C-alpha atoms as a PDB file:
ATOM      1  CA  UNK A   1      98.916 165.330 232.961  1.00  0.00           C
ATOM      2  CA  UNK A   2      95.270 166.316 233.406  1.00  0.00           C
ATOM      3  CA  UNK A   3      94.194 169.909 233.136  1.00  0.00           C
ATOM      4  CA  UNK A   4      91.621 171.520 235.339  1.00  0.00           C
ATOM      5  CA  UNK A   5      88.748 173.371 233.660  1.00  0.00           C
ATOM      6  CA  UNK A   6      89.274 177.066 233.048  1.00  0.00           C
ATOM      7  CA  UNK A   7      87.268 179.438 235.210  1.00  0.00           C
ATOM      8  CA  UNK A   8      84.087 180.826 233.635  1.00  0.00           C
ATOM      9  CA  UNK A   9      85.593 184.303 233.306  1.00  0.00           C
ATOM     10  CA  UNK A  10      88.386 182.910 231.139  1.00  0.00           C
ATOM     11  CA  UNK A  11      86.020 181.206 228.694  1.00  0.00           C
ATOM     12  CA  UNK A  12      86.477 181.725 224.979  1.00  0.00           C
ATOM     13  CA  UNK A  13      84.860 184.964 223.918  1.00  0.00           C
ATOM     14  CA  UNK A  14      85.931 186.951 226.945  1.00  0.00           C
ATOM     15  CA  UNK A  15      84.049 188.075 229.991  1.00  0.00           C
ATOM     16  CA  UNK A  16      80.805 189.930 229.578  1.00  0.00           C
ATOM     17  CA  UNK A  17      80.029 188.666 226.062  1.00  0.00           C
ATOM     18  CA  UNK A  18      76.927 186.659 225.324  1.00  0.00           C
ATOM     19  CA  UNK A  19      77.787 183.137 224.257  1.00  0.00           C
ATOM     20  CA  UNK A  20      75.397 181.339 221.949  1.00  0.00           C
ATOM     21  CA  UNK A  21      75.487 177.659 221.115  1.00  0.00           C
ATOM     22  CA  UNK A  22      76.836 176.697 217.711  1.00  0.00           C
ATOM     23  CA  UNK A  23      73.431 175.314 216.725  1.00  0.00           C
ATOM     24  CA  UNK A  24      72.029 178.841 216.649  1.00  0.00           C
ATOM     25  CA  UNK A  25      74.326 179.714 213.737  1.00  0.00           C
ATOM     26  CA  UNK A  26      72.944 177.054 211.384  1.00  0.00           C
ATOM     27  CA  UNK A  27      70.665 178.357 208.632  1.00  0.00           C
ATOM     28  CA  UNK A  28      67.054 177.153 208.877  1.00  0.00           C
ATOM     29  CA  UNK A  29      66.989 175.752 205.301  1.00  0.00           C
ATOM     30  CA  UNK A  30      70.007 173.571 206.107  1.00  0.00           C
ATOM     31  CA  UNK A  31      68.310 172.209 209.227  1.00  0.00           C
ATOM     32  CA  UNK A  32      65.090 171.565 207.296  1.00  0.00           C
ATOM     33  CA  UNK A  33      66.981 169.850 204.466  1.00  0.00           C
ATOM     34  CA  UNK A  34      68.637 167.616 207.049  1.00  0.00           C
ATOM     35  CA  UNK A  35      65.337 166.801 208.734  1.00  0.00           C
ATOM     36  CA  UNK A  36      63.448 165.828 205.579  1.00  0.00           C
ATOM     37  CA  UNK A  37      65.463 162.655 204.848  1.00  0.00           C
ATOM     38  CA  UNK A  38      65.300 161.758 208.536  1.00  0.00           C
ATOM     39  CA  UNK A  39      61.518 162.044 208.559  1.00  0.00           C
ATOM     40  CA  UNK A  40      61.268 160.098 205.295  1.00  0.00           C
ATOM     41  CA  UNK A  41      63.449 157.335 206.760  1.00  0.00           C
ATOM     42  CA  UNK A  42      61.220 157.148 209.829  1.00  0.00           C
ATOM     43  CA  UNK A  43      58.088 156.855 207.677  1.00  0.00           C
ATOM     44  CA  UNK A  44      59.676 154.181 205.468  1.00  0.00           C
ATOM     45  CA  UNK A  45      60.756 152.108 208.479  1.00  0.00           C
ATOM     46  CA  UNK A  46      57.263 152.386 209.965  1.00  0.00           C
ATOM     47  CA  UNK A  47      55.677 151.313 206.685  1.00  0.00           C
ATOM     48  CA  UNK A  48      58.079 148.394 206.360  1.00  0.00           C
ATOM     49  CA  UNK A  49      57.343 147.297 209.934  1.00  0.00           C
ATOM     50  CA  UNK A  50      53.601 147.380 209.177  1.00  0.00           C
ATOM     51  CA  UNK A  51      54.153 145.290 206.037  1.00  0.00           C
ATOM     52  CA  UNK A  52      52.838 147.914 203.636  1.00  0.00           C
ATOM     53  CA  UNK A  53      53.938 147.309 200.048  1.00  0.00           C
ATOM     54  CA  UNK A  54      55.220 143.785 200.686  1.00  0.00           C
ATOM     55  CA  UNK A  55      54.951 141.335 197.829  1.00  0.00           C
END
């Protein structure tokens, strides 16, 4: 029922080929565009926690 892991030589891509993580294939503008809303959210939460802009 359970499978054992494949040996390293039988990994996808074949033996002797360099394997790179999938993250290395993402374009830099896409990563930056994803990070900007995350950073903005962090700043907004920090400002809300400090009570800035409260009425």
